[in-house]
Structure formats: structure tokens, C-alpha cells
């Protein structure tokens, strides 16, 4: 089959869970001898483009990107909040240039399947229908509005709570607007599958979790000399990661040090704002790395991985990576959501 995969960021190198979910899907389809055309946005936040396509895929897939300016404008945010129905977080991915290039691709190429990677591409479905007879598949990486519902529940600032609840309601309406306009749905976890059904999803649907190529991961036994080295890794421009990390260092870390005074917390994550960095550096035995070149090498150097999440949806790919490397993992019920594991047995 000929498959067009559309994503809002180029998935190579796979620096986060979303990129890894897309890249492993591509690898699996290539191994199954499917003909892949990858068309993605490149943005200020995720500037990677087709020049970063791995060597082993250069002759196996077609990859193309189009720049979309997704920078946040305070003026546009306020106007959107007051006068528009589409949530600003989704509106940022509307681009005439991207749409024009997509139309040219659809006019010049024939596809059997067009797969949309994530919620913020659903607005493309009407345009695709005008220019292609291919089946459209929506691959939902998470239930986005649930993230903001949980965020609002945990927020103490009344103004932020109001905004988060507004965003929750608007994102829910945005999803329901496009529900069943595709031909098939791929959910990334069983909980997400059930939520889609509850919302009224009626199209053919399967659950297809994120897969890993296990040969890319080495099983590291827990080392006694590293037993007190704890690792956190995650994008620090993502609110659930910020919220969870701040809770851990302010509410939990001092309790660990009281029992294990030599314990160390090693934090890696891109795009950490100055305020959070300053806060992190005030805590004893906490080492901040910023963005690291390889999540695998970072995880390999530590025995324990913490994933303190109180809001989120989908699957935490870093937990799956940690399990593949034999790490001890400490997380919340939200962090473990969507992964078929048993507490104290699976990790």
C-alpha cells in the first residue's frame, strides 16, 4: 500500500514520546514493505526537517517538510479566547502554506491511506476529502482535553483554573467536531479507546500501542553503586512534566534525603524556563542537564526512573523505554495509565 503520513513535527531524531510513536510506526511499516510518504510541519519549537532522516531510510521513504510558525502571540491568544471557537492551541497549526503544499502532493501522488498523527491535524480532513479518495486514518496519540481537565483539577490559581477549564471544553468540542469524519481510528491505549467510544466514536477502531525495537535497547541490571541515583527525563516545556517535577522536588525530595542523604536527582529535559531552572538549582543533590543528546544513554547511567504525573493521557513512552532497559520505575497512577502492568510486579 501507498501511505501518506502527516505529522505536526518531523519525528527524527525522536526526542520525545510523540516523535518516537511516529518514527516506530514508520519503521514498522517500512519493515512490512509499505510505500511511505512522510509530510510534516517543521516549527520553531521542533525545527528538525528531512535533512535529519536516518541513513537507512533515505532510499526507502519520501520525506518532506513545510515550515509553520507556531510561536505564541499574546494578542492572538486573547483574541482567540474572547471571540473564536477553535482553541488557540489547535489554531496555531493552521497554515495556508502547509495546506497548499498538501494539495499539490495529493494532486500529484496517489495514496491508499492517509494517516494523521495527532489531534491538531484533524482540520485537514475536509481538505483531504476534496483532493483524494484515500482512506483517512486518525492516529490519536492521547485524549488532549483530558490533560487540561486534570490540569485544571490540580490548579490552585483561580485564573489559570478558569483558563484550563475553558481549554478543556473547547478541545473536547474540537475533537467531537471531527469525530467520525475519518474512516478509521487508531488509539494508543485501552483507556483512550474507551473514552473515544464514550464520546460517540463509531468508525472502525483498533488499539495500537507504541512499540520499541528491543535490539536498540540494552538491559541494564540495577547497579548497587547507582541505587541512590534517580533520574527524571521529559520535555520541560510540557505543563504536566513541569507540574510533576515541581511537586517532586518540593514535596518529596527532602523526605528522600532524610533517609538517603547521599541520594542524587538527575534531571534532563529540553526548553526548561529560567524560573524552573532557578528553583531546581536551590535543592540539595539535584543536578540539572538540560536537553541531553541521547535519552538512552541518560537512562543507562541511572538505576531509578521517576515519572511523577498528575495530568496526561495516552502512554508515557519513557516508561516503556525504562522497562526495556530494566530500570526500576516509580510513577503515579496517571503515569502508568494505558500500560498493561501490575504495581510492584511489572516495575
Protein backbone atom coordinates (compact mmCIF):
# COMPACT_ATOMS: atom_id res chain seq x y z
CA UNK A 1 0.00 0.00 0.00
CA UNK A 2 0.97 3.60 -0.51
CA UNK A 3 0.62 5.54 2.75
CA UNK A 4 0.90 9.27 3.36
CA UNK A 5 1.76 10.03 6.98
CA UNK A 6 1.15 13.62 8.10
CA UNK A 7 2.56 14.91 11.39
CA UNK A 8 2.94 18.29 13.08
CA UNK A 9 6.67 17.70 13.67
CA UNK A 10 9.41 15.77 11.93
CA UNK A 11 9.93 12.61 14.02
CA UNK A 12 13.70 12.35 13.59
CA UNK A 13 15.62 12.37 15.77
CA UNK A 14 12.90 11.03 18.11
CA UNK A 15 13.50 13.30 21.10
CA UNK A 16 10.07 12.85 22.71
CA UNK A 17 7.29 10.32 23.06
CA UNK A 18 5.23 11.69 20.19
CA UNK A 19 8.15 11.61 17.78
CA UNK A 20 9.07 8.10 18.91
CA UNK A 21 5.49 6.94 18.39
CA UNK A 22 5.56 8.23 14.81
CA UNK A 23 9.07 7.01 13.99
CA UNK A 24 8.47 3.47 15.27
CA UNK A 25 5.26 3.33 13.25
CA UNK A 26 7.22 4.31 10.14
CA UNK A 27 9.92 1.71 10.88
CA UNK A 28 7.28 -0.99 11.25
CA UNK A 29 5.52 -0.06 8.02
CA UNK A 30 8.82 0.02 6.13
CA UNK A 31 9.70 -3.42 7.50
CA UNK A 32 6.29 -4.57 6.24
CA UNK A 33 7.32 -3.28 2.77
CA UNK A 34 4.77 -0.48 2.63
CA UNK A 35 5.43 2.58 0.46
CA UNK A 36 5.69 5.59 2.79
CA UNK A 37 5.48 9.31 2.04
CA UNK A 38 6.14 11.43 5.15
CA UNK A 39 4.93 15.04 5.12
CA UNK A 40 5.35 17.05 8.31
CA UNK A 41 5.49 20.53 9.71
CA UNK A 42 8.72 22.00 10.97
CA UNK A 43 8.20 24.65 13.64
CA UNK A 44 10.23 26.98 15.87
CA UNK A 45 9.73 24.55 18.75
CA UNK A 46 10.55 21.49 16.63
CA UNK A 47 12.88 22.72 13.85
CA UNK A 48 14.07 19.30 12.65
CA UNK A 49 13.48 18.58 8.96
CA UNK A 50 14.09 15.97 6.26
CA UNK A 51 17.85 16.51 6.49
CA UNK A 52 17.70 14.52 9.73
CA UNK A 53 16.15 11.45 8.14
CA UNK A 54 18.22 8.40 9.22
CA UNK A 55 20.54 7.00 6.58
CA UNK A 56 18.79 3.62 6.49
CA UNK A 57 15.52 5.30 5.45
CA UNK A 58 16.82 7.70 2.79
CA UNK A 59 16.22 5.25 -0.05
CA UNK A 60 13.11 3.71 1.49
CA UNK A 61 10.71 6.60 2.10
CA UNK A 62 9.97 10.06 0.73
CA UNK A 63 10.18 12.77 3.40
CA UNK A 64 9.16 16.41 3.06
CA UNK A 65 8.60 19.27 5.50
CA UNK A 66 6.94 22.68 5.43
CA UNK A 67 7.66 25.46 7.92
CA UNK A 68 4.74 26.57 10.11
CA UNK A 69 5.15 29.42 12.58
CA UNK A 70 3.54 28.14 15.79
CA UNK A 71 5.01 30.79 18.08
CA UNK A 72 2.52 32.01 20.66
CA UNK A 73 1.26 35.57 20.22
CA UNK A 74 -0.31 37.15 23.31
CA UNK A 75 -2.57 39.26 21.12
CA UNK A 76 -3.74 36.27 19.08
CA UNK A 77 -4.24 34.25 22.26
CA UNK A 78 -6.50 36.90 23.80
CA UNK A 79 -8.48 37.40 20.57
CA UNK A 80 -8.92 33.65 20.24
CA UNK A 81 -10.05 33.27 23.85
CA UNK A 82 -12.65 36.03 23.55
CA UNK A 83 -14.01 35.65 20.03
CA UNK A 84 -13.24 32.23 18.50
CA UNK A 85 -14.48 28.67 18.90
CA UNK A 86 -11.36 26.82 17.78
CA UNK A 87 -8.87 26.59 20.69
CA UNK A 88 -5.71 28.60 20.14
CA UNK A 89 -3.56 25.56 20.86
CA UNK A 90 -5.10 23.98 17.73
CA UNK A 91 -5.37 27.16 15.64
CA UNK A 92 -1.57 27.60 15.75
CA UNK A 93 -1.27 24.64 13.38
CA UNK A 94 -3.48 26.20 10.69
CA UNK A 95 -1.22 27.16 7.78
CA UNK A 96 -2.06 28.20 4.23
CA UNK A 97 1.44 27.28 3.05
CA UNK A 98 1.17 23.79 4.54
CA UNK A 99 -2.32 23.34 3.06
CA UNK A 100 -1.17 24.48 -0.39
CA UNK A 101 1.74 22.05 -0.38
CA UNK A 102 -0.52 19.23 0.80
CA UNK A 103 -2.92 19.89 -2.07
CA UNK A 104 -0.04 19.68 -4.57
CA UNK A 105 1.09 16.38 -3.06
CA UNK A 106 -2.43 14.97 -3.27
CA UNK A 107 -2.83 16.13 -6.87
CA UNK A 108 0.49 14.63 -7.96
CA UNK A 109 0.51 11.42 -5.90
CA UNK A 110 -1.98 8.63 -5.29
CA UNK A 111 -2.36 7.07 -1.85
CA UNK A 112 -4.33 4.20 -0.39
CA UNK A 113 -4.20 5.55 3.16
CA UNK A 114 -3.58 9.00 4.63
CA UNK A 115 -2.71 8.84 8.33
CA UNK A 116 -2.96 11.90 10.57
CA UNK A 117 -0.64 11.76 13.58
CA UNK A 118 -2.43 13.63 16.34
CA UNK A 119 -5.42 15.80 17.17
CA UNK A 120 -4.17 19.07 15.70
CA UNK A 121 -4.26 17.74 12.13
CA UNK A 122 -7.95 16.83 12.10
CA UNK A 123 -8.81 20.16 10.49
CA UNK A 124 -7.12 18.83 7.33
CA UNK A 125 -9.76 16.16 6.75
CA UNK A 126 -12.17 18.32 4.67
CA UNK A 127 -9.26 19.48 2.50
CA UNK A 128 -8.03 15.92 2.02
CA UNK A 129 -11.53 14.77 1.01
CA UNK A 130 -11.59 17.40 -1.74
CA UNK A 131 -8.39 16.16 -3.35
CA UNK A 132 -8.06 12.46 -2.55
CA UNK A 133 -10.16 9.31 -2.39
CA UNK A 134 -7.73 7.65 0.04
CA UNK A 135 -8.96 6.28 3.35
CA UNK A 136 -8.19 8.70 6.19
CA UNK A 137 -6.92 7.27 9.47
CA UNK A 138 -6.69 9.33 12.64
CA UNK A 139 -3.98 8.11 15.00
CA UNK A 140 -4.78 9.62 18.39
CA UNK A 141 -1.63 9.99 20.50
CA UNK A 142 -3.75 10.91 23.52
CA UNK A 143 -7.05 12.45 24.61
CA UNK A 144 -5.89 16.04 24.67
CA UNK A 145 -8.80 17.60 26.51
CA UNK A 146 -8.38 15.15 29.40
CA UNK A 147 -4.90 16.54 30.01
CA UNK A 148 -6.34 20.01 30.58
CA UNK A 149 -9.23 18.71 32.68
CA UNK A 150 -6.75 17.09 35.05
CA UNK A 151 -4.55 20.16 34.94
CA UNK A 152 -7.50 22.35 35.94
CA UNK A 153 -8.37 19.99 38.79
CA UNK A 154 -4.86 20.32 40.25
CA UNK A 155 -4.51 24.08 39.66
CA UNK A 156 -4.84 26.39 42.67
CA UNK A 157 -4.59 29.71 40.82
CA UNK A 158 -8.26 30.62 40.12
CA UNK A 159 -7.49 32.47 36.88
CA UNK A 160 -5.41 29.60 35.49
CA UNK A 161 -8.12 27.15 36.56
CA UNK A 162 -10.72 29.11 34.59
CA UNK A 163 -8.48 29.17 31.51
CA UNK A 164 -7.65 25.45 31.76
CA UNK A 165 -11.34 24.55 32.11
CA UNK A 166 -12.16 26.72 29.11
CA UNK A 167 -9.43 24.99 27.12
CA UNK A 168 -10.73 21.59 28.23
CA UNK A 169 -14.24 22.37 26.99
CA UNK A 170 -13.07 23.84 23.69
CA UNK A 171 -10.70 20.96 22.94
CA UNK A 172 -13.46 18.48 23.70
CA UNK A 173 -15.77 20.28 21.26
CA UNK A 174 -12.94 20.41 18.69
CA UNK A 175 -12.48 16.63 18.87
CA UNK A 176 -16.22 15.97 18.71
CA UNK A 177 -16.50 18.23 15.66
CA UNK A 178 -14.24 15.89 13.69
CA UNK A 179 -15.30 12.64 15.36
CA UNK A 180 -16.30 10.07 12.70
CA UNK A 181 -15.22 12.31 9.78
CA UNK A 182 -12.24 9.95 9.26
CA UNK A 183 -12.50 6.34 8.04
CA UNK A 184 -10.72 4.66 10.92
CA UNK A 185 -9.23 5.45 14.32
CA UNK A 186 -6.04 4.14 15.91
CA UNK A 187 -6.00 4.63 19.68
CA UNK A 188 -2.71 4.36 21.51
CA UNK A 189 -4.13 2.79 24.69
CA UNK A 190 -7.20 0.95 26.01
CA UNK A 191 -8.31 3.89 28.22
CA UNK A 192 -8.18 6.21 25.20
CA UNK A 193 -10.16 3.65 23.19
CA UNK A 194 -12.91 3.64 25.83
CA UNK A 195 -13.03 7.45 26.01
CA UNK A 196 -13.42 7.71 22.23
CA UNK A 197 -16.31 5.23 22.39
CA UNK A 198 -17.93 7.21 25.21
CA UNK A 199 -17.67 10.39 23.12
CA UNK A 200 -19.54 8.72 20.25
CA UNK A 201 -16.77 7.24 18.09
CA UNK A 202 -18.39 4.83 15.58
CA UNK A 203 -15.78 4.21 12.91
CA UNK A 204 -13.57 1.08 12.83
CA UNK A 205 -11.05 1.39 15.66
CA UNK A 206 -8.05 -0.55 16.94
CA UNK A 207 -5.68 -0.10 19.86
CA UNK A 208 -2.08 0.05 18.69
CA UNK A 209 0.36 0.99 21.48
CA UNK A 210 3.81 2.42 20.89
CA UNK A 211 6.30 -0.29 20.01
CA UNK A 212 10.05 -0.33 20.51
CA UNK A 213 12.78 -2.14 18.63
CA UNK A 214 14.19 -4.04 21.60
CA UNK A 215 17.52 -4.61 19.88
CA UNK A 216 18.06 -0.84 20.19
CA UNK A 217 17.92 -1.12 23.99
CA UNK A 218 20.33 -2.83 26.34
CA UNK A 219 19.11 -4.46 29.52
CA UNK A 220 20.96 -2.84 32.38
CA UNK A 221 20.77 -4.66 35.72
CA UNK A 222 20.27 -2.36 38.70
CA UNK A 223 23.74 -1.47 39.97
CA UNK A 224 24.24 -1.26 43.74
CA UNK A 225 26.65 1.65 43.34
CA UNK A 226 23.96 3.62 41.46
CA UNK A 227 21.00 2.62 43.59
CA UNK A 228 20.71 6.14 45.02
CA UNK A 229 20.90 7.86 41.62
CA UNK A 230 17.42 8.85 40.50
CA UNK A 231 16.61 10.10 37.00
CA UNK A 232 13.90 12.33 35.58
CA UNK A 233 13.70 12.94 31.83
CA UNK A 234 11.00 14.74 29.89
CA UNK A 235 10.23 17.87 27.90
CA UNK A 236 10.07 20.73 30.39
CA UNK A 237 8.01 22.87 28.04
CA UNK A 238 5.09 20.46 28.65
CA UNK A 239 2.90 21.54 31.57
CA UNK A 240 2.26 18.05 33.04
CA UNK A 241 6.03 17.45 33.26
CA UNK A 242 6.59 20.85 34.87
CA UNK A 243 3.80 20.22 37.36
CA UNK A 244 5.02 16.74 38.28
CA UNK A 245 8.68 17.69 38.63
CA UNK A 246 7.91 20.75 40.75
CA UNK A 247 5.75 18.62 43.05
CA UNK A 248 8.50 16.01 43.41
CA UNK A 249 11.33 18.39 44.25
CA UNK A 250 9.25 20.49 46.65
CA UNK A 251 7.13 17.82 48.36
CA UNK A 252 9.08 14.56 48.10
CA UNK A 253 12.81 15.15 47.61
CA UNK A 254 13.58 16.33 51.15
CA UNK A 255 11.90 13.21 52.55
CA UNK A 256 14.15 11.00 50.43
CA UNK A 257 17.25 12.90 51.57
CA UNK A 258 16.26 12.42 55.20
CA UNK A 259 16.50 8.66 54.69
CA UNK A 260 19.18 8.57 51.96
CA UNK A 261 21.39 11.68 52.43
CA UNK A 262 23.66 10.67 49.52
CA UNK A 263 20.82 10.29 47.02
CA UNK A 264 21.08 12.32 43.80
CA UNK A 265 18.33 13.51 41.47
CA UNK A 266 19.47 13.89 37.85
CA UNK A 267 17.10 15.96 35.70
CA UNK A 268 17.17 16.09 31.89
CA UNK A 269 14.71 17.96 29.70
CA UNK A 270 14.59 20.49 26.91
CA UNK A 271 13.19 24.03 26.99
CA UNK A 272 13.17 24.49 30.76
CA UNK A 273 12.23 28.07 31.60
CA UNK A 274 14.52 30.20 33.75
CA UNK A 275 12.22 30.22 36.78
CA UNK A 276 12.04 26.44 36.98
CA UNK A 277 15.80 26.13 36.42
CA UNK A 278 16.45 28.56 39.26
CA UNK A 279 14.10 26.62 41.52
CA UNK A 280 15.73 23.29 40.64
CA UNK A 281 19.21 24.57 41.47
CA UNK A 282 18.21 25.55 45.01
CA UNK A 283 17.72 21.93 46.04
CA UNK A 284 20.48 19.79 47.51
CA UNK A 285 21.94 16.93 45.44
CA UNK A 286 19.93 17.88 42.34
CA UNK A 287 21.82 18.00 39.03
CA UNK A 288 20.22 19.67 36.00
CA UNK A 289 21.46 18.75 32.50
CA UNK A 290 19.02 20.49 30.18
CA UNK A 291 18.49 18.68 26.89
CA UNK A 292 20.64 15.56 26.55
CA UNK A 293 21.78 14.13 23.20
CA UNK A 294 20.57 10.60 23.99
CA UNK A 295 17.76 9.59 26.35
CA UNK A 296 19.03 6.01 26.25
CA UNK A 297 22.49 6.96 27.47
CA UNK A 298 20.99 9.15 30.17
CA UNK A 299 18.72 6.37 31.42
CA UNK A 300 21.57 3.87 31.28
CA UNK A 301 23.56 5.93 33.77
CA UNK A 302 20.88 5.72 36.49
CA UNK A 303 19.05 2.92 38.22
CA UNK A 304 15.73 4.54 39.11
CA UNK A 305 13.40 6.48 36.80
CA UNK A 306 10.70 8.71 38.26
CA UNK A 307 7.64 9.76 36.25
CA UNK A 308 5.58 12.00 38.57
CA UNK A 309 2.50 12.84 36.50
CA UNK A 310 -0.86 14.13 37.69
CA UNK A 311 -2.27 15.05 34.27
CA UNK A 312 -1.81 13.47 30.90
CA UNK A 313 -3.25 10.90 28.51
CA UNK A 314 -2.05 8.28 26.06
CA UNK A 315 1.09 6.35 27.00
CA UNK A 316 4.30 7.53 28.65
CA UNK A 317 6.87 6.20 26.20
CA UNK A 318 9.74 6.91 28.61
CA UNK A 319 8.25 4.32 30.98
CA UNK A 320 8.28 1.73 28.19
CA UNK A 321 11.88 2.68 27.40
CA UNK A 322 12.82 2.38 31.05
CA UNK A 323 11.20 -1.05 31.27
CA UNK A 324 13.09 -2.15 28.15
CA UNK A 325 16.32 -1.20 29.91
CA UNK A 326 15.46 -2.96 33.16
CA UNK A 327 15.10 0.19 35.24
CA UNK A 328 13.20 0.48 38.50
CA UNK A 329 10.35 2.90 37.80
CA UNK A 330 8.36 4.98 40.26
CA UNK A 331 5.30 6.73 38.88
CA UNK A 332 1.74 7.77 39.66
CA UNK A 333 -1.46 6.03 38.60
CA UNK A 334 -1.78 8.65 35.85
CA UNK A 335 1.78 7.95 34.69
CA UNK A 336 1.10 4.21 34.44
CA UNK A 337 -2.24 4.71 32.70
CA UNK A 338 -2.56 2.87 29.40
CA UNK A 339 0.30 0.45 30.10
CA UNK A 340 -0.78 -3.13 30.98
CA UNK A 341 1.37 -3.52 34.09
CA UNK A 342 0.93 -4.55 37.71
CA UNK A 343 2.23 -2.49 40.60
CA UNK A 344 5.36 -3.99 42.25
CA UNK A 345 5.37 -6.82 39.69
CA UNK A 346 6.00 -5.29 36.27
CA UNK A 347 8.22 -2.48 37.60
